[in-house]
N, C-alpha and C. Protein backbone atom coordinates (compact mmCIF):
# COMPACT_ATOMS: atom_id res chain seq x y z
N MET A 1 -50.45 82.15 15.11
CA MET A 1 -50.04 81.20 16.12
C MET A 1 -48.56 80.84 15.98
N LYS A 2 -48.08 80.67 14.72
CA LYS A 2 -46.68 80.35 14.48
C LYS A 2 -45.78 81.50 14.94
N ALA A 3 -46.22 82.72 14.75
CA ALA A 3 -45.43 83.89 15.15
C ALA A 3 -45.28 83.92 16.67
N ILE A 4 -46.34 83.61 17.40
CA ILE A 4 -46.30 83.59 18.87
C ILE A 4 -45.35 82.49 19.35
N ASN A 5 -45.41 81.32 18.72
CA ASN A 5 -44.51 80.22 19.08
C ASN A 5 -43.04 80.62 18.85
N LYS A 6 -42.76 81.29 17.74
CA LYS A 6 -41.39 81.72 17.44
C LYS A 6 -40.91 82.73 18.49
N ILE A 7 -41.80 83.63 18.88
CA ILE A 7 -41.45 84.62 19.91
C ILE A 7 -41.18 83.93 21.23
N LEU A 8 -42.02 82.98 21.61
CA LEU A 8 -41.83 82.25 22.87
C LEU A 8 -40.54 81.45 22.86
N VAL A 9 -40.24 80.80 21.74
CA VAL A 9 -38.99 80.05 21.63
C VAL A 9 -37.80 81.00 21.73
N GLY A 10 -37.89 82.14 21.06
CA GLY A 10 -36.82 83.13 21.11
C GLY A 10 -36.60 83.66 22.51
N LEU A 11 -37.68 83.96 23.22
CA LEU A 11 -37.57 84.44 24.61
C LEU A 11 -36.99 83.38 25.52
N THR A 12 -37.39 82.13 25.32
CA THR A 12 -36.86 81.03 26.12
C THR A 12 -35.36 80.89 25.91
N LEU A 13 -34.93 80.93 24.65
CA LEU A 13 -33.50 80.83 24.35
C LEU A 13 -32.73 82.00 24.94
N LEU A 14 -33.30 83.19 24.90
CA LEU A 14 -32.65 84.37 25.47
C LEU A 14 -32.49 84.23 26.98
N VAL A 15 -33.50 83.73 27.66
CA VAL A 15 -33.45 83.54 29.11
C VAL A 15 -32.40 82.48 29.46
N VAL A 16 -32.38 81.38 28.72
CA VAL A 16 -31.41 80.31 28.97
C VAL A 16 -29.99 80.82 28.74
N TRP A 17 -29.78 81.55 27.64
CA TRP A 17 -28.45 82.10 27.35
C TRP A 17 -28.02 83.09 28.42
N SER A 18 -28.91 83.96 28.83
CA SER A 18 -28.61 84.95 29.86
C SER A 18 -28.24 84.28 31.18
N ALA A 19 -28.97 83.25 31.55
CA ALA A 19 -28.68 82.52 32.78
C ALA A 19 -27.32 81.82 32.68
N SER A 20 -26.99 81.32 31.50
CA SER A 20 -25.71 80.65 31.30
C SER A 20 -24.55 81.63 31.44
N VAL A 21 -24.66 82.81 30.85
CA VAL A 21 -23.61 83.83 30.95
C VAL A 21 -23.43 84.26 32.40
N THR A 22 -24.53 84.50 33.11
CA THR A 22 -24.46 84.89 34.51
C THR A 22 -23.84 83.79 35.35
N ALA A 23 -24.19 82.55 35.08
CA ALA A 23 -23.64 81.42 35.83
C ALA A 23 -22.14 81.31 35.62
N GLN A 24 -21.66 81.55 34.39
CA GLN A 24 -20.23 81.49 34.12
C GLN A 24 -19.49 82.59 34.88
N GLU A 25 -20.06 83.80 34.92
CA GLU A 25 -19.42 84.90 35.64
C GLU A 25 -19.38 84.59 37.14
N LEU A 26 -20.46 84.05 37.67
CA LEU A 26 -20.51 83.71 39.09
C LEU A 26 -19.58 82.56 39.42
N LYS A 27 -19.39 81.65 38.46
CA LYS A 27 -18.53 80.49 38.68
C LYS A 27 -17.11 80.92 39.00
N VAL A 28 -16.60 81.91 38.27
CA VAL A 28 -15.24 82.38 38.52
C VAL A 28 -15.14 82.99 39.92
N GLU A 29 -16.14 83.78 40.31
CA GLU A 29 -16.12 84.38 41.64
C GLU A 29 -16.27 83.32 42.73
N ALA A 30 -17.10 82.31 42.47
CA ALA A 30 -17.36 81.28 43.48
C ALA A 30 -16.15 80.39 43.74
N VAL A 31 -15.35 80.12 42.70
CA VAL A 31 -14.21 79.22 42.87
C VAL A 31 -13.00 79.94 43.43
N SER A 32 -13.03 81.24 43.45
CA SER A 32 -11.86 82.00 43.87
C SER A 32 -11.94 82.38 45.34
N SER A 33 -10.95 81.91 46.11
CA SER A 33 -10.82 82.35 47.48
C SER A 33 -9.85 83.52 47.56
N VAL A 34 -9.36 83.92 46.39
CA VAL A 34 -8.38 85.00 46.30
C VAL A 34 -9.12 86.33 46.30
N SER A 35 -8.70 87.22 47.19
CA SER A 35 -9.28 88.56 47.23
C SER A 35 -8.42 89.49 46.39
N ILE A 36 -9.02 90.08 45.37
CA ILE A 36 -8.25 90.95 44.48
C ILE A 36 -7.71 92.16 45.22
N ASP A 37 -8.40 92.59 46.26
CA ASP A 37 -7.93 93.73 47.04
C ASP A 37 -6.60 93.45 47.73
N GLU A 38 -6.34 92.19 48.06
CA GLU A 38 -5.11 91.82 48.75
C GLU A 38 -3.93 91.63 47.80
N LEU A 39 -4.22 91.45 46.51
CA LEU A 39 -3.16 91.21 45.53
C LEU A 39 -2.44 92.51 45.19
N PRO A 40 -1.17 92.41 44.78
CA PRO A 40 -0.44 93.61 44.39
C PRO A 40 -0.99 94.19 43.09
N GLU A 41 -0.60 95.41 42.77
CA GLU A 41 -1.09 96.07 41.56
C GLU A 41 -0.65 95.31 40.30
N TYR A 42 0.57 94.78 40.31
CA TYR A 42 1.09 94.02 39.17
C TYR A 42 1.37 92.58 39.59
N VAL A 43 1.09 91.65 38.68
CA VAL A 43 1.38 90.23 38.89
C VAL A 43 2.02 89.70 37.62
N VAL A 44 3.13 88.97 37.78
CA VAL A 44 3.79 88.32 36.65
C VAL A 44 3.50 86.82 36.75
N VAL A 45 2.87 86.30 35.71
CA VAL A 45 2.51 84.88 35.66
C VAL A 45 3.36 84.21 34.59
N THR A 46 4.07 83.15 34.98
CA THR A 46 4.90 82.40 34.05
C THR A 46 4.15 81.16 33.59
N SER A 47 4.06 80.99 32.30
CA SER A 47 3.41 79.79 31.77
C SER A 47 4.42 79.06 30.88
N GLU A 48 4.34 77.74 30.93
CA GLU A 48 5.25 76.90 30.14
C GLU A 48 4.42 75.83 29.45
N ASN A 49 4.60 75.71 28.13
CA ASN A 49 3.86 74.68 27.43
C ASN A 49 4.33 73.31 27.88
N THR A 50 3.41 72.40 28.02
CA THR A 50 3.72 71.02 28.42
C THR A 50 3.11 70.10 27.39
N LYS A 51 3.63 70.13 26.16
CA LYS A 51 3.04 69.39 25.05
C LYS A 51 2.99 67.89 25.28
N LEU A 52 3.90 67.36 26.10
CA LEU A 52 3.90 65.92 26.32
C LEU A 52 2.63 65.45 27.02
N ILE A 53 2.09 66.28 27.92
CA ILE A 53 0.86 65.90 28.61
C ILE A 53 -0.29 66.84 28.28
N GLY A 54 -0.04 67.84 27.47
CA GLY A 54 -1.07 68.80 27.07
C GLY A 54 -1.26 69.88 28.10
N GLY A 55 -1.68 71.04 27.65
CA GLY A 55 -1.93 72.14 28.55
C GLY A 55 -0.68 72.95 28.84
N ILE A 56 -0.75 73.76 29.91
CA ILE A 56 0.38 74.59 30.30
C ILE A 56 0.61 74.46 31.80
N ASN A 57 1.83 74.72 32.20
CA ASN A 57 2.19 74.78 33.61
C ASN A 57 2.22 76.26 33.98
N ILE A 58 1.65 76.63 35.12
CA ILE A 58 1.56 78.03 35.53
C ILE A 58 2.29 78.22 36.85
N ASN A 59 3.13 79.26 36.90
CA ASN A 59 3.86 79.58 38.13
C ASN A 59 3.84 81.08 38.37
N ILE A 60 3.86 81.45 39.65
CA ILE A 60 4.01 82.84 40.07
C ILE A 60 5.14 82.85 41.10
N ASP A 61 6.12 83.73 40.91
CA ASP A 61 7.22 83.83 41.86
C ASP A 61 6.75 84.66 43.05
N TYR A 62 6.57 84.01 44.19
CA TYR A 62 6.07 84.70 45.37
C TYR A 62 7.03 84.62 46.55
N LYS A 63 8.15 83.92 46.39
CA LYS A 63 9.08 83.74 47.51
C LYS A 63 9.58 85.08 48.02
N LYS A 64 9.58 85.23 49.31
CA LYS A 64 10.06 86.42 50.02
C LYS A 64 9.31 87.70 49.63
N SER A 65 8.12 87.56 49.09
CA SER A 65 7.30 88.71 48.73
C SER A 65 6.39 89.06 49.89
N ASP A 66 6.06 90.34 50.01
CA ASP A 66 5.09 90.76 51.02
C ASP A 66 3.71 90.17 50.72
N TYR A 67 3.50 89.78 49.48
CA TYR A 67 2.22 89.23 49.03
C TYR A 67 2.27 87.71 48.89
N GLU A 68 3.22 87.07 49.53
CA GLU A 68 3.47 85.64 49.33
C GLU A 68 2.21 84.80 49.50
N LYS A 69 1.48 84.99 50.56
CA LYS A 69 0.31 84.14 50.85
C LYS A 69 -0.76 84.25 49.75
N VAL A 70 -1.12 85.47 49.39
CA VAL A 70 -2.19 85.64 48.41
C VAL A 70 -1.72 85.28 46.99
N LEU A 71 -0.44 85.50 46.67
CA LEU A 71 0.08 85.08 45.37
C LEU A 71 0.12 83.56 45.26
N LYS A 72 0.43 82.89 46.36
CA LYS A 72 0.42 81.43 46.38
C LYS A 72 -1.00 80.90 46.15
N GLU A 73 -1.99 81.56 46.75
CA GLU A 73 -3.39 81.18 46.54
C GLU A 73 -3.80 81.40 45.09
N LEU A 74 -3.36 82.53 44.50
CA LEU A 74 -3.68 82.80 43.10
C LEU A 74 -3.05 81.75 42.19
N GLU A 75 -1.80 81.40 42.44
CA GLU A 75 -1.12 80.37 41.65
C GLU A 75 -1.88 79.04 41.73
N SER A 76 -2.29 78.67 42.93
CA SER A 76 -3.04 77.43 43.12
C SER A 76 -4.36 77.45 42.34
N LEU A 77 -5.04 78.59 42.37
CA LEU A 77 -6.30 78.72 41.64
C LEU A 77 -6.07 78.59 40.14
N LEU A 78 -5.03 79.24 39.63
CA LEU A 78 -4.75 79.19 38.19
C LEU A 78 -4.31 77.79 37.75
N GLN A 79 -3.64 77.06 38.63
CA GLN A 79 -3.17 75.71 38.30
C GLN A 79 -4.29 74.67 38.36
N ASN A 80 -5.35 74.96 39.08
CA ASN A 80 -6.44 74.00 39.25
C ASN A 80 -7.27 73.93 37.97
N ARG A 81 -7.09 72.88 37.21
CA ARG A 81 -7.76 72.77 35.91
C ARG A 81 -9.26 72.52 36.03
N LYS A 82 -9.71 72.08 37.18
CA LYS A 82 -11.14 71.83 37.35
C LYS A 82 -11.90 73.14 37.62
N LYS A 83 -11.24 74.11 38.22
CA LYS A 83 -11.93 75.36 38.57
C LYS A 83 -11.99 76.33 37.40
N LEU A 84 -10.86 76.76 36.89
CA LEU A 84 -10.85 77.75 35.82
C LEU A 84 -10.63 77.14 34.44
N ARG A 85 -10.26 75.87 34.39
CA ARG A 85 -10.09 75.12 33.14
C ARG A 85 -9.10 75.81 32.19
N ILE A 86 -7.96 76.21 32.72
CA ILE A 86 -6.94 76.85 31.91
C ILE A 86 -6.10 75.75 31.25
N ARG A 87 -6.13 75.71 29.92
CA ARG A 87 -5.38 74.70 29.16
C ARG A 87 -4.38 75.34 28.21
N ASN A 88 -4.46 76.66 28.02
CA ASN A 88 -3.54 77.35 27.12
C ASN A 88 -3.45 78.82 27.53
N GLN A 89 -2.63 79.58 26.82
CA GLN A 89 -2.42 80.97 27.21
C GLN A 89 -3.64 81.84 26.97
N THR A 90 -4.46 81.50 25.98
CA THR A 90 -5.71 82.24 25.77
C THR A 90 -6.61 82.09 26.98
N ASP A 91 -6.72 80.86 27.50
CA ASP A 91 -7.51 80.63 28.70
C ASP A 91 -6.96 81.42 29.88
N LEU A 92 -5.63 81.49 29.99
CA LEU A 92 -4.99 82.23 31.08
C LEU A 92 -5.32 83.71 30.99
N LEU A 93 -5.24 84.29 29.80
CA LEU A 93 -5.57 85.71 29.61
C LEU A 93 -7.01 85.99 30.01
N ASN A 94 -7.93 85.13 29.59
CA ASN A 94 -9.35 85.32 29.91
C ASN A 94 -9.63 85.14 31.39
N ALA A 95 -8.98 84.17 32.02
CA ALA A 95 -9.18 83.94 33.45
C ALA A 95 -8.69 85.13 34.26
N MET A 96 -7.53 85.66 33.92
CA MET A 96 -6.99 86.81 34.64
C MET A 96 -7.89 88.04 34.45
N SER A 97 -8.47 88.19 33.28
CA SER A 97 -9.39 89.29 33.04
C SER A 97 -10.63 89.17 33.92
N LYS A 98 -11.17 87.95 34.02
CA LYS A 98 -12.34 87.72 34.87
C LYS A 98 -12.03 87.92 36.34
N LEU A 99 -10.77 87.70 36.71
CA LEU A 99 -10.36 87.89 38.11
C LEU A 99 -10.05 89.35 38.43
N GLY A 100 -10.11 90.23 37.43
CA GLY A 100 -9.93 91.66 37.69
C GLY A 100 -8.61 92.24 37.23
N PHE A 101 -7.90 91.54 36.33
CA PHE A 101 -6.61 92.02 35.84
C PHE A 101 -6.67 92.24 34.34
N GLU A 102 -5.86 93.19 33.88
CA GLU A 102 -5.72 93.40 32.45
C GLU A 102 -4.30 93.06 32.04
N TYR A 103 -4.17 92.56 30.82
CA TYR A 103 -2.87 92.19 30.27
C TYR A 103 -2.07 93.46 29.97
N VAL A 104 -0.78 93.46 30.34
CA VAL A 104 0.08 94.60 30.07
C VAL A 104 1.13 94.27 29.01
N ASN A 105 1.87 93.18 29.24
CA ASN A 105 2.99 92.85 28.35
C ASN A 105 3.40 91.40 28.60
N ALA A 106 4.26 90.90 27.72
CA ALA A 106 4.81 89.55 27.90
C ALA A 106 6.26 89.55 27.42
N TYR A 107 7.05 88.69 28.03
CA TYR A 107 8.43 88.52 27.59
C TYR A 107 8.80 87.06 27.77
N ASN A 108 9.75 86.59 26.95
CA ASN A 108 10.14 85.19 26.97
C ASN A 108 11.02 84.89 28.16
N GLY A 109 10.78 83.73 28.74
CA GLY A 109 11.67 83.20 29.75
C GLY A 109 12.71 82.36 29.04
N LYS A 110 13.35 81.47 29.76
CA LYS A 110 14.36 80.64 29.11
C LYS A 110 13.70 79.52 28.31
N GLU A 111 14.45 78.98 27.37
CA GLU A 111 13.97 77.89 26.51
C GLU A 111 14.73 76.63 26.90
N ASN A 112 14.01 75.55 27.07
CA ASN A 112 14.64 74.25 27.36
C ASN A 112 14.45 73.35 26.16
N ASN A 113 15.54 72.80 25.64
CA ASN A 113 15.45 71.86 24.52
C ASN A 113 15.60 70.44 25.04
N ILE A 114 14.72 69.59 24.58
CA ILE A 114 14.77 68.18 24.94
C ILE A 114 14.85 67.40 23.63
N SER A 115 15.87 66.57 23.48
CA SER A 115 16.00 65.76 22.27
C SER A 115 16.18 64.30 22.66
N LEU A 116 15.77 63.44 21.77
CA LEU A 116 15.92 62.00 21.98
C LEU A 116 16.95 61.46 21.01
N GLY A 117 17.74 60.51 21.45
CA GLY A 117 18.74 59.92 20.57
C GLY A 117 18.91 58.45 20.88
N SER A 118 19.61 57.74 19.98
CA SER A 118 19.89 56.33 20.21
C SER A 118 21.18 55.95 19.51
N GLY A 119 21.79 54.87 19.95
CA GLY A 119 23.02 54.38 19.33
C GLY A 119 24.23 55.20 19.74
N LYS A 120 25.42 54.68 19.33
CA LYS A 120 26.63 55.39 19.76
C LYS A 120 26.90 56.63 18.93
N ASP A 121 26.28 56.77 17.75
CA ASP A 121 26.45 57.97 16.94
C ASP A 121 25.41 59.04 17.28
N VAL A 122 24.54 58.76 18.21
CA VAL A 122 23.47 59.65 18.67
C VAL A 122 22.72 60.29 17.50
N GLU A 123 21.85 59.52 16.93
CA GLU A 123 20.99 60.00 15.85
C GLU A 123 19.75 60.62 16.48
N VAL A 124 19.47 61.85 16.16
CA VAL A 124 18.31 62.53 16.74
C VAL A 124 17.06 61.99 16.06
N ILE A 125 16.15 61.44 16.87
CA ILE A 125 14.92 60.87 16.31
C ILE A 125 13.70 61.71 16.65
N GLY A 126 13.89 62.77 17.40
CA GLY A 126 12.76 63.62 17.74
C GLY A 126 13.22 64.72 18.66
N GLY A 127 12.50 65.77 18.72
CA GLY A 127 12.88 66.87 19.58
C GLY A 127 11.65 67.62 20.06
N GLN A 128 11.82 68.29 21.16
CA GLN A 128 10.71 69.02 21.75
C GLN A 128 11.31 70.22 22.47
N ALA A 129 10.80 71.39 22.22
CA ALA A 129 11.27 72.58 22.93
C ALA A 129 10.15 73.05 23.85
N LYS A 130 10.53 73.44 25.05
CA LYS A 130 9.56 74.02 25.98
C LYS A 130 9.87 75.50 26.10
N TYR A 131 8.83 76.30 26.01
CA TYR A 131 9.01 77.74 26.07
C TYR A 131 8.29 78.30 27.29
N ARG A 132 8.97 79.19 27.97
CA ARG A 132 8.36 79.88 29.11
C ARG A 132 8.03 81.30 28.68
N VAL A 133 6.84 81.72 29.00
CA VAL A 133 6.41 83.08 28.71
C VAL A 133 5.98 83.72 30.02
N ASN A 134 6.52 84.90 30.28
CA ASN A 134 6.13 85.66 31.47
C ASN A 134 5.15 86.73 31.03
N MET A 135 3.94 86.68 31.58
CA MET A 135 2.91 87.65 31.24
C MET A 135 2.72 88.60 32.43
N VAL A 136 2.70 89.88 32.12
CA VAL A 136 2.52 90.90 33.14
C VAL A 136 1.06 91.34 33.13
N PHE A 137 0.44 91.32 34.31
CA PHE A 137 -0.95 91.74 34.46
C PHE A 137 -1.02 92.88 35.48
N LYS A 138 -1.96 93.78 35.27
CA LYS A 138 -2.18 94.90 36.18
C LYS A 138 -3.65 94.91 36.59
N LYS A 139 -3.89 95.27 37.85
CA LYS A 139 -5.28 95.36 38.30
C LYS A 139 -6.04 96.34 37.44
N LYS A 140 -7.27 96.00 37.13
CA LYS A 140 -8.12 96.91 36.38
C LYS A 140 -8.42 98.14 37.24
N GLU A 141 -8.69 99.25 36.59
CA GLU A 141 -8.91 100.54 37.28
C GLU A 141 -9.86 100.43 38.47
N LYS A 142 -10.97 99.73 38.31
CA LYS A 142 -11.97 99.67 39.38
C LYS A 142 -11.49 98.91 40.61
N TYR A 143 -10.39 98.14 40.49
CA TYR A 143 -9.88 97.36 41.63
C TYR A 143 -8.68 98.00 42.30
N GLN A 144 -8.16 99.08 41.70
CA GLN A 144 -6.97 99.71 42.29
C GLN A 144 -7.38 100.56 43.49
N SER A 145 -6.50 100.53 44.49
CA SER A 145 -6.81 101.29 45.70
C SER A 145 -6.30 102.70 45.65
């Protein structure tokens, strides 16, 4: 009897886990109004750490691009923390993979230094650097036209 109970519990957990994984995969597709077929083969996503408020800021340069409309939609989707819950670059890499892109390369953008000071001798009491990283993504083979 104990063996049957263990098997039933194991099967129940397997079904619950399987449903959870499927729901997570469907969640990404359901929240995305972006059609991967309309996106260009390569996309460069710029992320900047925002340590003062936590998380990262995400931008895609789409101005004057033939893909402006769909790149703007992709940027909006990536910035929406309630939909894809991107809080760091690891989350960004995983979200782009689920959306049908593979990581190709990354290069540093410019660095902005912010320092705080006080008094006429300007004593530095703290500092914060913001780093921009440009990540290059390419459509996965099955999505290329």
